[in-house]
Amino acid sequence: MVSENARHDSVTENKVGIGIKSSNQRLLQADTIHKEIAVKTFLLSTVALTLLTGAAFAGPAEDMAKARIDAIAKGDVAAVTSSYADGATLHWVGGPLDGQYTGADKLKEVWGKFTKAQGDQKATVAAIAESANPKGSTVTANVAFAGKNTVKVRYVMVYRDGKLGDEIWQVDPNATF
């Protein structure tokens, strides 16, 4: 009989021991899950904050493009042409200045014609975006230049090493911006 009681006590202790161990394991598992959720929440919050505020910070090419648009609107041909890289090309698509212009003299001439034809003007940027990598940046902008005429353009500027290498001035009279 003693051996039966001893056996029963041993089984009870094992059951209690197993029960306590399982509870401790469950508590540790729950704690781990809570920590994982906290880390994931923090990471998602950080990503969301970065995405929301990232649009507010312009890159260097976007800043150069905005300064360029302002210089065009002011009729400052010297500022407009000073940002070109050697061998830069302007593809003017549509309107009376339609054509391809390469070289400092041709670029100065076409911007002189545009500013003279427009007179005093104001530029309104409807949208602007920059895409960049270590090799260069591309800025696209929807801009309306309002002077003697309102000229709506999709403007694409390609920058390398801080200079404008290529640009497309797509006249878009039917644009809704």
C-alpha atoms as a PDB file:
ATOM      1  CA  MET A   1       0.000   0.000   0.000  1.00  0.00           C
ATOM      2  CA  VAL A   2       2.778   2.375   0.826  1.00  0.00           C
ATOM      3  CA  SER A   3       4.241   1.763  -2.529  1.00  0.00           C
ATOM      4  CA  GLU A   4       0.833   2.509  -4.127  1.00  0.00           C
ATOM      5  CA  ASN A   5       0.596   5.885  -2.251  1.00  0.00           C
ATOM      6  CA  ALA A   6       4.161   6.741  -3.149  1.00  0.00           C
ATOM      7  CA  ARG A   7       3.400   5.940  -6.758  1.00  0.00           C
ATOM      8  CA  HIS A   8       0.241   8.120  -6.642  1.00  0.00           C
ATOM      9  CA  ASP A   9       2.160  11.075  -5.108  1.00  0.00           C
ATOM     10  CA  SER A  10       4.851  10.734  -7.759  1.00  0.00           C
ATOM     11  CA  VAL A  11       2.255  10.831 -10.536  1.00  0.00           C
ATOM     12  CA  THR A  12       0.562  13.851  -8.960  1.00  0.00           C
ATOM     13  CA  GLU A  13       3.844  15.720  -8.735  1.00  0.00           C
ATOM     14  CA  ASN A  14       4.604  14.912 -12.353  1.00  0.00           C
ATOM     15  CA  LYS A  15       1.163  16.096 -13.419  1.00  0.00           C
ATOM     16  CA  VAL A  16       1.566  19.268 -11.405  1.00  0.00           C
ATOM     17  CA  GLY A  17       5.103  19.710 -12.697  1.00  0.00           C
ATOM     18  CA  ILE A  18       3.946  19.220 -16.279  1.00  0.00           C
ATOM     19  CA  GLY A  19       1.012  21.548 -15.700  1.00  0.00           C
ATOM     20  CA  ILE A  20       3.283  24.315 -14.357  1.00  0.00           C
ATOM     21  CA  LYS A  21       5.755  23.832 -17.175  1.00  0.00           C
ATOM     22  CA  SER A  22       2.967  24.075 -19.749  1.00  0.00           C
ATOM     23  CA  SER A  23       1.676  27.292 -18.139  1.00  0.00           C
ATOM     24  CA  ASN A  24       5.168  28.775 -18.134  1.00  0.00           C
ATOM     25  CA  GLN A  25       5.610  27.781 -21.759  1.00  0.00           C
ATOM     26  CA  ARG A  26       2.284  29.376 -22.646  1.00  0.00           C
ATOM     27  CA  LEU A  27       3.250  32.590 -20.845  1.00  0.00           C
ATOM     28  CA  LEU A  28       6.598  32.700 -22.641  1.00  0.00           C
ATOM     29  CA  GLN A  29       4.905  32.011 -25.960  1.00  0.00           C
ATOM     30  CA  ALA A  30       2.328  34.772 -25.340  1.00  0.00           C
ATOM     31  CA  ASP A  31       5.111  37.180 -24.353  1.00  0.00           C
ATOM     32  CA  THR A  32       7.000  36.333 -27.548  1.00  0.00           C
ATOM     33  CA  ILE A  33       3.879  36.915 -29.654  1.00  0.00           C
ATOM     34  CA  HIS A  34       3.280  40.304 -27.989  1.00  0.00           C
ATOM     35  CA  LYS A  35       6.879  41.322 -28.679  1.00  0.00           C
ATOM     36  CA  GLU A  36       6.580  40.242 -32.330  1.00  0.00           C
ATOM     37  CA  ILE A  37       3.374  42.249 -32.717  1.00  0.00           C
ATOM     38  CA  ALA A  38       5.022  45.293 -31.130  1.00  0.00           C
ATOM     39  CA  VAL A  39       8.021  45.043 -33.484  1.00  0.00           C
ATOM     40  CA  LYS A  40       5.788  44.597 -36.547  1.00  0.00           C
ATOM     41  CA  THR A  41       3.604  47.532 -35.483  1.00  0.00           C
ATOM     42  CA  PHE A  42       6.697  49.701 -35.025  1.00  0.00           C
ATOM     43  CA  LEU A  43       8.073  48.705 -38.441  1.00  0.00           C
ATOM     44  CA  LEU A  44       4.755  49.312 -40.205  1.00  0.00           C
ATOM     45  CA  SER A  45       4.407  52.684 -38.480  1.00  0.00           C
ATOM     46  CA  THR A  46       7.920  53.638 -39.542  1.00  0.00           C
ATOM     47  CA  VAL A  47       7.272  52.624 -43.166  1.00  0.00           C
ATOM     48  CA  ALA A  48       3.943  54.484 -43.228  1.00  0.00           C
ATOM     49  CA  LEU A  49       5.521  57.613 -41.771  1.00  0.00           C
ATOM     50  CA  THR A  50       8.355  57.449 -44.295  1.00  0.00           C
ATOM     51  CA  LEU A  51       5.929  57.096 -47.192  1.00  0.00           C
ATOM     52  CA  LEU A  52       3.714  59.911 -45.983  1.00  0.00           C
ATOM     53  CA  THR A  53       6.539  62.350 -45.342  1.00  0.00           C
ATOM     54  CA  GLY A  54       8.747  61.242 -48.234  1.00  0.00           C
ATOM     55  CA  ALA A  55       6.614  63.152 -50.729  1.00  0.00           C
ATOM     56  CA  ALA A  56       7.325  66.365 -48.860  1.00  0.00           C
ATOM     57  CA  PHE A  57      11.085  66.121 -49.404  1.00  0.00           C
ATOM     58  CA  ALA A  58      12.372  66.922 -52.871  1.00  0.00           C
ATOM     59  CA  GLY A  59      15.586  65.438 -54.162  1.00  0.00           C
ATOM     60  CA  PRO A  60      18.347  67.580 -55.632  1.00  0.00           C
ATOM     61  CA  ALA A  61      17.187  67.074 -59.244  1.00  0.00           C
ATOM     62  CA  GLU A  62      13.631  68.080 -58.354  1.00  0.00           C
ATOM     63  CA  ASP A  63      14.982  71.232 -56.701  1.00  0.00           C
ATOM     64  CA  MET A  64      17.017  72.005 -59.845  1.00  0.00           C
ATOM     65  CA  ALA A  65      13.939  71.397 -62.016  1.00  0.00           C
ATOM     66  CA  LYS A  66      11.810  73.769 -59.926  1.00  0.00           C
ATOM     67  CA  ALA A  67      14.518  76.452 -60.159  1.00  0.00           C
ATOM     68  CA  ARG A  68      14.641  75.874 -63.916  1.00  0.00           C
ATOM     69  CA  ILE A  69      10.876  76.227 -64.300  1.00  0.00           C
ATOM     70  CA  ASP A  70      11.042  79.484 -62.307  1.00  0.00           C
ATOM     71  CA  ALA A  71      13.880  80.774 -64.526  1.00  0.00           C
ATOM     72  CA  ILE A  72      11.878  79.941 -67.680  1.00  0.00           C
ATOM     73  CA  ALA A  73       8.852  81.777 -66.276  1.00  0.00           C
ATOM     74  CA  LYS A  74      11.011  84.817 -65.435  1.00  0.00           C
ATOM     75  CA  GLY A  75      12.505  84.836 -68.924  1.00  0.00           C
ATOM     76  CA  ASP A  76      16.022  84.394 -67.504  1.00  0.00           C
ATOM     77  CA  VAL A  77      17.636  82.766 -70.553  1.00  0.00           C
ATOM     78  CA  ALA A  78      21.125  82.912 -68.997  1.00  0.00           C
ATOM     79  CA  ALA A  79      19.964  80.882 -65.957  1.00  0.00           C
ATOM     80  CA  VAL A  80      18.035  78.463 -68.157  1.00  0.00           C
ATOM     81  CA  THR A  81      20.979  77.749 -70.446  1.00  0.00           C
ATOM     82  CA  SER A  82      23.642  77.643 -67.697  1.00  0.00           C
ATOM     83  CA  SER A  83      22.326  74.341 -66.346  1.00  0.00           C
ATOM     84  CA  TYR A  84      22.965  72.379 -69.547  1.00  0.00           C
ATOM     85  CA  ALA A  85      25.682  69.736 -69.839  1.00  0.00           C
ATOM     86  CA  ASP A  86      27.912  69.826 -72.900  1.00  0.00           C
ATOM     87  CA  GLY A  87      26.049  68.261 -75.825  1.00  0.00           C
ATOM     88  CA  ALA A  88      22.629  68.612 -74.178  1.00  0.00           C
ATOM     89  CA  THR A  89      19.557  68.234 -76.354  1.00  0.00           C
ATOM     90  CA  LEU A  90      16.098  69.778 -76.065  1.00  0.00           C
ATOM     91  CA  HIS A  91      13.306  67.897 -77.827  1.00  0.00           C
ATOM     92  CA  TRP A  92      10.519  70.460 -78.296  1.00  0.00           C
ATOM     93  CA  VAL A  93       7.414  68.549 -79.368  1.00  0.00           C
ATOM     94  CA  GLY A  94       4.549  70.615 -80.758  1.00  0.00           C
ATOM     95  CA  GLY A  95       3.831  74.310 -81.091  1.00  0.00           C
ATOM     96  CA  PRO A  96       5.650  76.861 -83.249  1.00  0.00           C
ATOM     97  CA  LEU A  97       9.083  75.957 -81.800  1.00  0.00           C
ATOM     98  CA  ASP A  98       8.747  72.236 -82.590  1.00  0.00           C
ATOM     99  CA  GLY A  99      12.144  70.702 -83.239  1.00  0.00           C
ATOM    100  CA  GLN A 100      15.315  69.278 -81.770  1.00  0.00           C
ATOM    101  CA  TYR A 101      17.936  71.670 -80.406  1.00  0.00           C
ATOM    102  CA  THR A 102      21.503  70.688 -79.513  1.00  0.00           C
ATOM    103  CA  GLY A 103      24.402  72.912 -78.531  1.00  0.00           C
ATOM    104  CA  ALA A 104      24.682  76.119 -76.508  1.00  0.00           C
ATOM    105  CA  ASP A 105      23.860  78.510 -79.374  1.00  0.00           C
ATOM    106  CA  LYS A 106      20.741  76.633 -80.504  1.00  0.00           C
ATOM    107  CA  LEU A 107      19.479  76.240 -76.941  1.00  0.00           C
ATOM    108  CA  LYS A 108      19.991  79.925 -76.156  1.00  0.00           C
ATOM    109  CA  GLU A 109      18.214  80.877 -79.377  1.00  0.00           C
ATOM    110  CA  VAL A 110      15.114  78.742 -78.779  1.00  0.00           C
ATOM    111  CA  TRP A 111      14.691  79.870 -75.160  1.00  0.00           C
ATOM    112  CA  GLY A 112      15.127  83.478 -76.292  1.00  0.00           C
ATOM    113  CA  LYS A 113      12.327  83.001 -78.844  1.00  0.00           C
ATOM    114  CA  PHE A 114      10.047  81.415 -76.243  1.00  0.00           C
ATOM    115  CA  THR A 115      10.538  84.113 -73.614  1.00  0.00           C
ATOM    116  CA  LYS A 116      10.104  86.896 -76.205  1.00  0.00           C
ATOM    117  CA  ALA A 117       6.888  85.317 -77.536  1.00  0.00           C
ATOM    118  CA  GLN A 118       5.451  84.788 -74.037  1.00  0.00           C
ATOM    119  CA  GLY A 119       6.410  88.075 -72.369  1.00  0.00           C
ATOM    120  CA  ASP A 120       5.775  88.212 -68.628  1.00  0.00           C
ATOM    121  CA  GLN A 121       4.511  84.875 -67.474  1.00  0.00           C
ATOM    122  CA  LYS A 122       3.749  82.738 -64.481  1.00  0.00           C
ATOM    123  CA  ALA A 123       4.449  79.025 -64.165  1.00  0.00           C
ATOM    124  CA  THR A 124       2.022  76.746 -62.359  1.00  0.00           C
ATOM    125  CA  VAL A 125       3.319  73.276 -61.551  1.00  0.00           C
ATOM    126  CA  ALA A 126       0.426  70.823 -61.418  1.00  0.00           C
ATOM    127  CA  ALA A 127       2.583  67.781 -60.630  1.00  0.00           C
ATOM    128  CA  ILE A 128       6.273  67.016 -60.297  1.00  0.00           C
ATOM    129  CA  ALA A 129       8.124  63.792 -59.537  1.00  0.00           C
ATOM    130  CA  GLU A 130      11.735  62.673 -59.382  1.00  0.00           C
ATOM    131  CA  SER A 131      13.177  59.237 -60.057  1.00  0.00           C
ATOM    132  CA  ALA A 132      16.820  58.789 -59.133  1.00  0.00           C
ATOM    133  CA  ASN A 133      19.614  56.268 -58.912  1.00  0.00           C
ATOM    134  CA  PRO A 134      23.416  56.634 -58.643  1.00  0.00           C
ATOM    135  CA  LYS A 135      23.734  57.199 -62.424  1.00  0.00           C
ATOM    136  CA  GLY A 136      21.303  60.124 -62.664  1.00  0.00           C
ATOM    137  CA  SER A 137      17.834  61.511 -62.103  1.00  0.00           C
ATOM    138  CA  THR A 138      14.761  62.114 -64.197  1.00  0.00           C
ATOM    139  CA  VAL A 139      12.194  64.729 -63.261  1.00  0.00           C
ATOM    140  CA  THR A 140       8.777  64.875 -64.877  1.00  0.00           C
ATOM    141  CA  ALA A 141       6.470  67.833 -64.408  1.00  0.00           C
ATOM    142  CA  ASN A 142       3.128  69.024 -65.683  1.00  0.00           C
ATOM    143  CA  VAL A 143       3.485  72.781 -66.040  1.00  0.00           C
ATOM    144  CA  ALA A 144       1.328  75.585 -67.390  1.00  0.00           C
ATOM    145  CA  PHE A 145       3.233  78.706 -68.456  1.00  0.00           C
ATOM    146  CA  ALA A 146       0.740  81.593 -68.612  1.00  0.00           C
ATOM    147  CA  GLY A 147       1.950  84.685 -70.469  1.00  0.00           C
ATOM    148  CA  LYS A 148       0.639  86.063 -73.751  1.00  0.00           C
ATOM    149  CA  ASN A 149      -0.535  82.486 -74.261  1.00  0.00           C
ATOM    150  CA  THR A 150      -1.009  79.612 -71.873  1.00  0.00           C
ATOM    151  CA  VAL A 151       1.388  76.853 -72.830  1.00  0.00           C
ATOM    152  CA  LYS A 152       0.753  73.540 -71.094  1.00  0.00           C
ATOM    153  CA  VAL A 153       3.631  71.101 -71.186  1.00  0.00           C
ATOM    154  CA  ARG A 154       4.706  67.719 -69.967  1.00  0.00           C
ATOM    155  CA  TYR A 155       8.296  68.495 -69.108  1.00  0.00           C
ATOM    156  CA  VAL A 156      10.881  65.715 -68.748  1.00  0.00           C
ATOM    157  CA  MET A 157      14.395  66.596 -67.565  1.00  0.00           C
ATOM    158  CA  VAL A 158      17.294  64.135 -67.339  1.00  0.00           C
ATOM    159  CA  TYR A 159      20.103  65.126 -64.982  1.00  0.00           C
ATOM    160  CA  ARG A 160      23.554  63.536 -64.710  1.00  0.00           C
ATOM    161  CA  ASP A 161      26.290  64.873 -62.452  1.00  0.00           C
ATOM    162  CA  GLY A 162      24.171  67.916 -61.587  1.00  0.00           C
ATOM    163  CA  LYS A 163      23.733  69.017 -65.197  1.00  0.00           C
ATOM    164  CA  LEU A 164      20.781  68.797 -67.570  1.00  0.00           C
ATOM    165  CA  GLY A 165      21.674  66.371 -70.371  1.00  0.00           C
ATOM    166  CA  ASP A 166      18.366  65.840 -72.113  1.00  0.00           C
ATOM    167  CA  GLU A 167      14.932  67.355 -71.894  1.00  0.00           C
ATOM    168  CA  ILE A 168      11.587  66.905 -73.553  1.00  0.00           C
ATOM    169  CA  TRP A 169       9.176  69.813 -73.761  1.00  0.00           C
ATOM    170  CA  GLN A 170       5.926  68.126 -74.845  1.00  0.00           C
ATOM    171  CA  VAL A 171       3.357  70.800 -75.628  1.00  0.00           C
ATOM    172  CA  ASP A 172      -0.040  69.461 -74.528  1.00  0.00           C
ATOM    173  CA  PRO A 173      -2.808  71.995 -75.281  1.00  0.00           C
ATOM    174  CA  ASN A 174      -5.531  69.539 -74.204  1.00  0.00           C
ATOM    175  CA  ALA A 175      -4.049  68.880 -70.772  1.00  0.00           C
ATOM    176  CA  THR A 176      -6.502  69.286 -67.916  1.00  0.00           C
ATOM    177  CA  PHE A 177      -4.121  70.881 -65.451  1.00  0.00           C
END
